[in-house]
PDB file of N, CA and C in Angstrom:
ATOM      1  N   MET A   1     -71.218   5.430  18.007  1.00  0.00           N
ATOM      2  CA  MET A   1     -70.660   4.138  17.672  1.00  0.00           C
ATOM      3  C   MET A   1     -70.571   3.998  16.163  1.00  0.00           C
ATOM      4  N   LEU A   2     -69.586   3.318  15.741  1.00  0.00           N
ATOM      5  CA  LEU A   2     -69.397   3.103  14.316  1.00  0.00           C
ATOM      6  C   LEU A   2     -70.092   1.816  13.900  1.00  0.00           C
ATOM      7  N   GLY A   3     -70.564   1.841  12.681  1.00  0.00           N
ATOM      8  CA  GLY A   3     -71.236   0.662  12.158  1.00  0.00           C
ATOM      9  C   GLY A   3     -70.229  -0.343  11.640  1.00  0.00           C
ATOM     10  N   PRO A   4     -70.709  -1.429  11.075  1.00  0.00           N
ATOM     11  CA  PRO A   4     -69.796  -2.449  10.532  1.00  0.00           C
ATOM     12  C   PRO A   4     -69.017  -1.876   9.336  1.00  0.00           C
ATOM     13  N   ASN A   5     -67.818  -2.394   9.154  1.00  0.00           N
ATOM     14  CA  ASN A   5     -66.959  -1.923   8.058  1.00  0.00           C
ATOM     15  C   ASN A   5     -67.528  -2.387   6.721  1.00  0.00           C
ATOM     16  N   PRO A   6     -67.530  -1.468   5.694  1.00  0.00           N
ATOM     17  CA  PRO A   6     -67.978  -1.889   4.367  1.00  0.00           C
ATOM     18  C   PRO A   6     -66.955  -2.831   3.744  1.00  0.00           C
ATOM     19  N   PRO A   7     -67.351  -3.684   2.825  1.00  0.00           N
ATOM     20  CA  PRO A   7     -66.396  -4.603   2.198  1.00  0.00           C
ATOM     21  C   PRO A   7     -65.349  -3.818   1.391  1.00  0.00           C
ATOM     22  N   ALA A   8     -64.149  -4.373   1.309  1.00  0.00           N
ATOM     23  CA  ALA A   8     -63.054  -3.712   0.591  1.00  0.00           C
ATOM     24  C   ALA A   8     -63.339  -3.697  -0.906  1.00  0.00           C
ATOM     25  N   LYS A   9     -62.969  -2.591  -1.558  1.00  0.00           N
ATOM     26  CA  LYS A   9     -63.170  -2.468  -3.001  1.00  0.00           C
ATOM     27  C   LYS A   9     -61.943  -3.019  -3.720  1.00  0.00           C
ATOM     28  N   ASN A  10     -62.155  -3.554  -4.884  1.00  0.00           N
ATOM     29  CA  ASN A  10     -61.037  -3.995  -5.710  1.00  0.00           C
ATOM     30  C   ASN A  10     -60.468  -2.771  -6.410  1.00  0.00           C
ATOM     31  N   GLU A  11     -59.183  -2.558  -6.248  1.00  0.00           N
ATOM     32  CA  GLU A  11     -58.554  -1.415  -6.891  1.00  0.00           C
ATOM     33  C   GLU A  11     -57.574  -1.927  -7.931  1.00  0.00           C
ATOM     34  N   THR A  12     -57.554  -1.247  -9.065  1.00  0.00           N
ATOM     35  CA  THR A  12     -56.603  -1.605 -10.114  1.00  0.00           C
ATOM     36  C   THR A  12     -55.768  -0.386 -10.426  1.00  0.00           C
ATOM     37  N   ALA A  13     -54.564  -0.612 -10.865  1.00  0.00           N
ATOM     38  CA  ALA A  13     -53.667   0.475 -11.236  1.00  0.00           C
ATOM     39  C   ALA A  13     -53.223   0.250 -12.671  1.00  0.00           C
ATOM     40  N   ARG A  14     -53.129   1.345 -13.388  1.00  0.00           N
ATOM     41  CA  ARG A  14     -52.641   1.259 -14.770  1.00  0.00           C
ATOM     42  C   ARG A  14     -51.143   1.512 -14.766  1.00  0.00           C
ATOM     43  N   ILE A  15     -50.419   0.656 -15.423  1.00  0.00           N
ATOM     44  CA  ILE A  15     -48.972   0.795 -15.529  1.00  0.00           C
ATOM     45  C   ILE A  15     -48.654   1.140 -16.969  1.00  0.00           C
ATOM     46  N   ALA A  16     -48.020   2.289 -17.146  1.00  0.00           N
ATOM     47  CA  ALA A  16     -47.681   2.726 -18.500  1.00  0.00           C
ATOM     48  C   ALA A  16     -46.499   1.909 -19.009  1.00  0.00           C
ATOM     49  N   THR A  17     -46.490   1.621 -20.291  1.00  0.00           N
ATOM     50  CA  THR A  17     -45.370   0.897 -20.880  1.00  0.00           C
ATOM     51  C   THR A  17     -44.220   1.865 -21.100  1.00  0.00           C
ATOM     52  N   LEU A  18     -43.031   1.370 -20.936  1.00  0.00           N
ATOM     53  CA  LEU A  18     -41.848   2.205 -21.111  1.00  0.00           C
ATOM     54  C   LEU A  18     -41.608   2.455 -22.595  1.00  0.00           C
ATOM     55  N   PRO A  19     -41.175   3.685 -22.952  1.00  0.00           N
ATOM     56  CA  PRO A  19     -40.875   3.963 -24.360  1.00  0.00           C
ATOM     57  C   PRO A  19     -39.627   3.207 -24.803  1.00  0.00           C
ATOM     58  N   GLU A  20     -39.482   3.062 -26.081  1.00  0.00           N
ATOM     59  CA  GLU A  20     -38.317   2.383 -26.657  1.00  0.00           C
ATOM     60  C   GLU A  20     -37.047   3.185 -26.320  1.00  0.00           C
ATOM     61  N   PRO A  21     -35.966   2.519 -25.930  1.00  0.00           N
ATOM     62  CA  PRO A  21     -34.724   3.256 -25.649  1.00  0.00           C
ATOM     63  C   PRO A  21     -34.154   3.855 -26.931  1.00  0.00           C
ATOM     64  N   ARG A  22     -33.554   5.025 -26.790  1.00  0.00           N
ATOM     65  CA  ARG A  22     -32.962   5.702 -27.956  1.00  0.00           C
ATOM     66  C   ARG A  22     -31.711   4.979 -28.406  1.00  0.00           C
ATOM     67  N   LYS A  23     -31.435   5.111 -29.673  1.00  0.00           N
ATOM     68  CA  LYS A  23     -30.210   4.517 -30.208  1.00  0.00           C
ATOM     69  C   LYS A  23     -29.026   5.381 -29.786  1.00  0.00           C
ATOM     70  N   ALA A  24     -27.896   4.742 -29.580  1.00  0.00           N
ATOM     71  CA  ALA A  24     -26.699   5.458 -29.163  1.00  0.00           C
ATOM     72  C   ALA A  24     -26.231   6.380 -30.284  1.00  0.00           C
ATOM     73  N   ALA A  25     -25.788   7.578 -29.900  1.00  0.00           N
ATOM     74  CA  ALA A  25     -25.297   8.537 -30.878  1.00  0.00           C
ATOM     75  C   ALA A  25     -23.959   8.038 -31.426  1.00  0.00           C
ATOM     76  N   PRO A  26     -23.673   8.343 -32.682  1.00  0.00           N
ATOM     77  CA  PRO A  26     -22.385   7.913 -33.241  1.00  0.00           C
ATOM     78  C   PRO A  26     -21.229   8.602 -32.520  1.00  0.00           C
ATOM     79  N   ALA A  27     -20.075   7.940 -32.531  1.00  0.00           N
ATOM     80  CA  ALA A  27     -18.895   8.484 -31.854  1.00  0.00           C
ATOM     81  C   ALA A  27     -18.489   9.811 -32.484  1.00  0.00           C
ATOM     82  N   VAL A  28     -18.105  10.752 -31.656  1.00  0.00           N
ATOM     83  CA  VAL A  28     -17.716  12.084 -32.123  1.00  0.00           C
ATOM     84  C   VAL A  28     -16.231  12.067 -32.421  1.00  0.00           C
ATOM     85  N   LYS A  29     -15.862  12.623 -33.561  1.00  0.00           N
ATOM     86  CA  LYS A  29     -14.449  12.715 -33.904  1.00  0.00           C
ATOM     87  C   LYS A  29     -13.894  14.013 -33.341  1.00  0.00           C
ATOM     88  N   MET A  30     -12.756  13.927 -32.724  1.00  0.00           N
ATOM     89  CA  MET A  30     -12.134  15.079 -32.086  1.00  0.00           C
ATOM     90  C   MET A  30     -10.993  15.606 -32.961  1.00  0.00           C
ATOM     91  N   ALA A  31     -11.235  15.800 -34.219  1.00  0.00           N
ATOM     92  CA  ALA A  31     -10.173  16.171 -35.141  1.00  0.00           C
ATOM     93  C   ALA A  31      -9.788  17.635 -35.026  1.00  0.00           C
ATOM     94  N   LYS A  32     -10.715  18.523 -34.659  1.00  0.00           N
ATOM     95  CA  LYS A  32     -10.410  19.950 -34.672  1.00  0.00           C
ATOM     96  C   LYS A  32     -10.104  20.503 -33.282  1.00  0.00           C
ATOM     97  N   THR A  33      -9.671  19.683 -32.388  1.00  0.00           N
ATOM     98  CA  THR A  33      -9.347  20.175 -31.057  1.00  0.00           C
ATOM     99  C   THR A  33      -7.895  20.608 -30.991  1.00  0.00           C
ATOM    100  N   GLN A  34      -7.581  21.453 -30.022  1.00  0.00           N
ATOM    101  CA  GLN A  34      -6.209  21.929 -29.862  1.00  0.00           C
ATOM    102  C   GLN A  34      -5.428  20.916 -29.024  1.00  0.00           C
ATOM    103  N   PRO A  35      -4.124  20.822 -29.269  1.00  0.00           N
ATOM    104  CA  PRO A  35      -3.318  19.894 -28.477  1.00  0.00           C
ATOM    105  C   PRO A  35      -3.210  20.393 -27.030  1.00  0.00           C
ATOM    106  N   LEU A  36      -2.958  19.472 -26.129  1.00  0.00           N
ATOM    107  CA  LEU A  36      -2.790  19.829 -24.732  1.00  0.00           C
ATOM    108  C   LEU A  36      -1.502  20.609 -24.521  1.00  0.00           C
ATOM    109  N   ILE A  37      -1.519  21.502 -23.545  1.00  0.00           N
ATOM    110  CA  ILE A  37      -0.329  22.299 -23.247  1.00  0.00           C
ATOM    111  C   ILE A  37       0.642  21.414 -22.468  1.00  0.00           C
ATOM    112  N   PRO A  38       1.870  21.286 -22.937  1.00  0.00           N
ATOM    113  CA  PRO A  38       2.825  20.443 -22.201  1.00  0.00           C
ATOM    114  C   PRO A  38       3.198  21.100 -20.867  1.00  0.00           C
ATOM    115  N   VAL A  39       3.267  20.293 -19.843  1.00  0.00           N
ATOM    116  CA  VAL A  39       3.633  20.775 -18.518  1.00  0.00           C
ATOM    117  C   VAL A  39       5.148  20.695 -18.390  1.00  0.00           C
ATOM    118  N   PRO A  40       5.771  21.791 -17.968  1.00  0.00           N
ATOM    119  CA  PRO A  40       7.230  21.722 -17.817  1.00  0.00           C
ATOM    120  C   PRO A  40       7.586  20.767 -16.681  1.00  0.00           C
ATOM    121  N   PRO A  41       8.667  20.041 -16.847  1.00  0.00           N
ATOM    122  CA  PRO A  41       9.045  19.088 -15.788  1.00  0.00           C
ATOM    123  C   PRO A  41       9.404  19.838 -14.507  1.00  0.00           C
ATOM    124  N   SER A  42       8.909  19.358 -13.406  1.00  0.00           N
ATOM    125  CA  SER A  42       9.195  20.007 -12.128  1.00  0.00           C
ATOM    126  C   SER A  42      10.441  19.392 -11.520  1.00  0.00           C
ATOM    127  N   ALA A  43      11.153  20.235 -10.811  1.00  0.00           N
ATOM    128  CA  ALA A  43      12.367  19.752 -10.152  1.00  0.00           C
ATOM    129  C   ALA A  43      11.944  18.953  -8.927  1.00  0.00           C
ATOM    130  N   VAL A  44      12.397  17.722  -8.855  1.00  0.00           N
ATOM    131  CA  VAL A  44      12.040  16.864  -7.740  1.00  0.00           C
ATOM    132  C   VAL A  44      12.971  17.194  -6.575  1.00  0.00           C
ATOM    133  N   ALA A  45      12.391  17.683  -5.499  1.00  0.00           N
ATOM    134  CA  ALA A  45      13.192  18.020  -4.327  1.00  0.00           C
ATOM    135  C   ALA A  45      13.364  16.785  -3.460  1.00  0.00           C
ATOM    136  N   GLU A  46      14.535  16.618  -2.926  1.00  0.00           N
ATOM    137  CA  GLU A  46      14.777  15.477  -2.040  1.00  0.00           C
ATOM    138  C   GLU A  46      14.044  15.716  -0.731  1.00  0.00           C
ATOM    139  N   PRO A  47      13.404  14.693  -0.211  1.00  0.00           N
ATOM    140  CA  PRO A  47      12.728  14.879   1.081  1.00  0.00           C
ATOM    141  C   PRO A  47      13.757  15.117   2.186  1.00  0.00           C
ATOM    142  N   ALA A  48      13.362  15.885   3.157  1.00  0.00           N
ATOM    143  CA  ALA A  48      14.275  16.174   4.264  1.00  0.00           C
ATOM    144  C   ALA A  48      14.537  14.900   5.051  1.00  0.00           C
ATOM    145  N   ARG A  49      15.757  14.658   5.339  1.00  0.00           N
ATOM    146  CA  ARG A  49      16.128  13.469   6.087  1.00  0.00           C
ATOM    147  C   ARG A  49      15.964  13.746   7.572  1.00  0.00           C
ATOM    148  N   PRO A  50      15.332  12.823   8.269  1.00  0.00           N
ATOM    149  CA  PRO A  50      15.179  13.047   9.712  1.00  0.00           C
ATOM    150  C   PRO A  50      16.527  12.940  10.410  1.00  0.00           C
ATOM    151  N   THR A  51      16.774  13.869  11.280  1.00  0.00           N
ATOM    152  CA  THR A  51      18.023  13.849  12.029  1.00  0.00           C
ATOM    153  C   THR A  51      17.694  13.748  13.507  1.00  0.00           C
ATOM    154  N   ALA A  52      18.599  13.194  14.232  1.00  0.00           N
ATOM    155  CA  ALA A  52      18.410  13.063  15.676  1.00  0.00           C
ATOM    156  C   ALA A  52      18.541  14.437  16.316  1.00  0.00           C
ATOM    157  N   PRO A  53      17.687  14.740  17.272  1.00  0.00           N
ATOM    158  CA  PRO A  53      17.807  16.037  17.934  1.00  0.00           C
ATOM    159  C   PRO A  53      19.114  16.103  18.708  1.00  0.00           C
ATOM    160  N   SER A  54      19.614  17.307  18.816  1.00  0.00           N
ATOM    161  CA  SER A  54      20.874  17.450  19.532  1.00  0.00           C
ATOM    162  C   SER A  54      20.664  17.106  21.003  1.00  0.00           C
ATOM    163  N   GLU A  55      21.622  16.482  21.573  1.00  0.00           N
ATOM    164  CA  GLU A  55      21.527  16.027  22.955  1.00  0.00           C
ATOM    165  C   GLU A  55      21.658  17.219  23.891  1.00  0.00           C
ATOM    166  N   ILE A  56      20.541  17.646  24.450  1.00  0.00           N
ATOM    167  CA  ILE A  56      20.553  18.716  25.431  1.00  0.00           C
ATOM    168  C   ILE A  56      20.296  18.064  26.776  1.00  0.00           C
ATOM    169  N   SER A  57      21.236  18.150  27.639  1.00  0.00           N
ATOM    170  CA  SER A  57      21.087  17.494  28.934  1.00  0.00           C
ATOM    171  C   SER A  57      20.509  18.491  29.933  1.00  0.00           C
ATOM    172  N   SER A  58      19.597  17.991  30.723  1.00  0.00           N
ATOM    173  CA  SER A  58      19.020  18.812  31.781  1.00  0.00           C
ATOM    174  C   SER A  58      19.546  18.307  33.115  1.00  0.00           C
ATOM    175  N   PRO A  59      19.379  19.078  34.162  1.00  0.00           N
ATOM    176  CA  PRO A  59      19.876  18.626  35.473  1.00  0.00           C
ATOM    177  C   PRO A  59      19.168  17.362  35.965  1.00  0.00           C
ATOM    178  N   LEU A  60      17.938  17.115  35.496  1.00  0.00           N
ATOM    179  CA  LEU A  60      17.223  15.922  35.932  1.00  0.00           C
ATOM    180  C   LEU A  60      17.782  14.647  35.319  1.00  0.00           C
ATOM    181  N   ASP A  61      18.540  14.770  34.253  1.00  0.00           N
ATOM    182  CA  ASP A  61      19.123  13.577  33.636  1.00  0.00           C
ATOM    183  C   ASP A  61      20.164  12.916  34.534  1.00  0.00           C
ATOM    184  N   PHE A  62      20.727  13.697  35.463  1.00  0.00           N
ATOM    185  CA  PHE A  62      21.785  13.156  36.308  1.00  0.00           C
ATOM    186  C   PHE A  62      21.241  12.549  37.596  1.00  0.00           C
ATOM    187  N   VAL A  63      19.924  12.625  37.831  1.00  0.00           N
ATOM    188  CA  VAL A  63      19.317  12.045  39.032  1.00  0.00           C
ATOM    189  C   VAL A  63      19.074  10.563  38.756  1.00  0.00           C
ATOM    190  N   PRO A  64      19.544   9.687  39.642  1.00  0.00           N
ATOM    191  CA  PRO A  64      19.335   8.248  39.431  1.00  0.00           C
ATOM    192  C   PRO A  64      17.843   7.893  39.484  1.00  0.00           C
ATOM    193  N   LEU A  65      17.461   6.868  38.752  1.00  0.00           N
ATOM    194  CA  LEU A  65      16.064   6.448  38.661  1.00  0.00           C
ATOM    195  C   LEU A  65      15.486   5.992  39.997  1.00  0.00           C
ATOM    196  N   PRO A  66      16.214   5.248  40.838  1.00  0.00           N
ATOM    197  CA  PRO A  66      15.635   4.868  42.138  1.00  0.00           C
ATOM    198  C   PRO A  66      15.287   6.084  43.013  1.00  0.00           C
ATOM    199  N   VAL A  67      16.056   7.165  42.895  1.00  0.00           N
ATOM    200  CA  VAL A  67      15.762   8.371  43.670  1.00  0.00           C
ATOM    201  C   VAL A  67      14.446   8.984  43.189  1.00  0.00           C
ATOM    202  N   CYS A  68      14.186   8.958  41.876  1.00  0.00           N
ATOM    203  CA  CYS A  68      12.929   9.478  41.329  1.00  0.00           C
ATOM    204  C   CYS A  68      11.750   8.656  41.833  1.00  0.00           C
ATOM    205  N   TRP A  69      11.887   7.322  41.831  1.00  0.00           N
ATOM    206  CA  TRP A  69      10.811   6.466  42.334  1.00  0.00           C
ATOM    207  C   TRP A  69      10.592   6.679  43.829  1.00  0.00           C
ATOM    208  N   GLY A  70      11.660   6.884  44.560  1.00  0.00           N
ATOM    209  CA  GLY A  70      11.538   7.150  46.000  1.00  0.00           C
ATOM    210  C   GLY A  70      10.800   8.455  46.263  1.00  0.00           C
ATOM    211  N   ALA A  71      11.095   9.496  45.479  1.00  0.00           N
ATOM    212  CA  ALA A  71      10.409  10.777  45.640  1.00  0.00           C
ATOM    213  C   ALA A  71       8.924  10.639  45.300  1.00  0.00           C
ATOM    214  N   LEU A  72       8.612   9.838  44.289  1.00  0.00           N
ATOM    215  CA  LEU A  72       7.215   9.613  43.937  1.00  0.00           C
ATOM    216  C   LEU A  72       6.491   8.866  45.053  1.00  0.00           C
ATOM    217  N   GLY A  73       7.120   7.846  45.620  1.00  0.00           N
ATOM    218  CA  GLY A  73       6.516   7.096  46.714  1.00  0.00           C
ATOM    219  C   GLY A  73       6.308   7.964  47.946  1.00  0.00           C
ATOM    220  N   LEU A  74       7.282   8.814  48.255  1.00  0.00           N
ATOM    221  CA  LEU A  74       7.171   9.696  49.409  1.00  0.00           C
ATOM    222  C   LEU A  74       6.022  10.693  49.224  1.00  0.00           C
ATOM    223  N   SER A  75       5.883  11.250  48.011  1.00  0.00           N
ATOM    224  CA  SER A  75       4.797  12.200  47.766  1.00  0.00           C
ATOM    225  C   SER A  75       3.445  11.507  47.819  1.00  0.00           C
ATOM    226  N   ALA A  76       3.365  10.258  47.359  1.00  0.00           N
ATOM    227  CA  ALA A  76       2.108   9.512  47.459  1.00  0.00           C
ATOM    228  C   ALA A  76       1.772   9.232  48.919  1.00  0.00           C
ATOM    229  N   LEU A  77       2.780   8.927  49.739  1.00  0.00           N
ATOM    230  CA  LEU A  77       2.564   8.683  51.163  1.00  0.00           C
ATOM    231  C   LEU A  77       2.076   9.944  51.865  1.00  0.00           C
ATOM    232  N   ILE A  78       2.645  11.081  51.541  1.00  0.00           N
ATOM    233  CA  ILE A  78       2.220  12.352  52.131  1.00  0.00           C
ATOM    234  C   ILE A  78       0.791  12.673  51.712  1.00  0.00           C
ATOM    235  N   CYS A  79       0.442  12.424  50.448  1.00  0.00           N
ATOM    236  CA  CYS A  79      -0.919  12.684  49.956  1.00  0.00           C
ATOM    237  C   CYS A  79      -1.929  11.802  50.683  1.00  0.00           C
ATOM    238  N   LEU A  80      -1.607  10.528  50.857  1.00  0.00           N
ATOM    239  CA  LEU A  80      -2.519   9.622  51.566  1.00  0.00           C
ATOM    240  C   LEU A  80      -2.671  10.032  53.031  1.00  0.00           C
ATOM    241  N   THR A  81      -1.581  10.507  53.653  1.00  0.00           N
ATOM    242  CA  THR A  81      -1.644  10.945  55.042  1.00  0.00           C
ATOM    243  C   THR A  81      -2.555  12.164  55.170  1.00  0.00           C
ATOM    244  N   GLN A  82      -2.448  13.094  54.236  1.00  0.00           N
ATOM    245  CA  GLN A  82      -3.297  14.280  54.285  1.00  0.00           C
ATOM    246  C   GLN A  82      -4.753  13.913  54.059  1.00  0.00           C
ATOM    247  N   LEU A  83      -5.032  12.977  53.162  1.00  0.00           N
ATOM    248  CA  LEU A  83      -6.412  12.543  52.960  1.00  0.00           C
ATOM    249  C   LEU A  83      -6.949  11.849  54.207  1.00  0.00           C
ATOM    250  N   TRP A  84      -6.094  11.045  54.894  1.00  0.00           N
ATOM    251  CA  TRP A  84      -6.511  10.346  56.096  1.00  0.00           C
ATOM    252  C   TRP A  84      -6.875  11.342  57.209  1.00  0.00           C
ATOM    253  N   THR A  85      -6.056  12.355  57.362  1.00  0.00           N
ATOM    254  CA  THR A  85      -6.352  13.332  58.415  1.00  0.00           C
ATOM    255  C   THR A  85      -7.537  14.210  58.041  1.00  0.00           C
ATOM    256  N   TYR A  86      -7.800  14.415  56.779  1.00  0.00           N
ATOM    257  CA  TYR A  86      -8.943  15.222  56.363  1.00  0.00           C
ATOM    258  C   TYR A  86     -10.262  14.514  56.659  1.00  0.00           C
ATOM    259  N   PHE A  87     -10.331  13.195  56.389  1.00  0.00           N
ATOM    260  CA  PHE A  87     -11.572  12.467  56.541  1.00  0.00           C
ATOM    261  C   PHE A  87     -11.797  11.947  57.977  1.00  0.00           C
ATOM    262  N   THR A  88     -10.801  12.062  58.853  1.00  0.00           N
ATOM    263  CA  THR A  88     -11.031  11.616  60.246  1.00  0.00           C
ATOM    264  C   THR A  88     -11.271  12.775  61.165  1.00  0.00           C
TER     265      THR A  88
END
């Protein structure tokens, strides 16, 4: 078994003072530097203009839309019938 806790000790911490900030260095003169190399002007190319794709017709383009919906409905009916016979 542990005995009673001893009383807490007072702890102190020493905080060092910050040193004086340095003075800013004087501005540097750039008198003896070489001039920048001039960049030759680049030829500005025109962006490619978007064009419509050429009209390529497929055989499905000539099928009327109601016929497509009818074929989709018929295939869904056949799928449901096969699922019904599978689970019964």
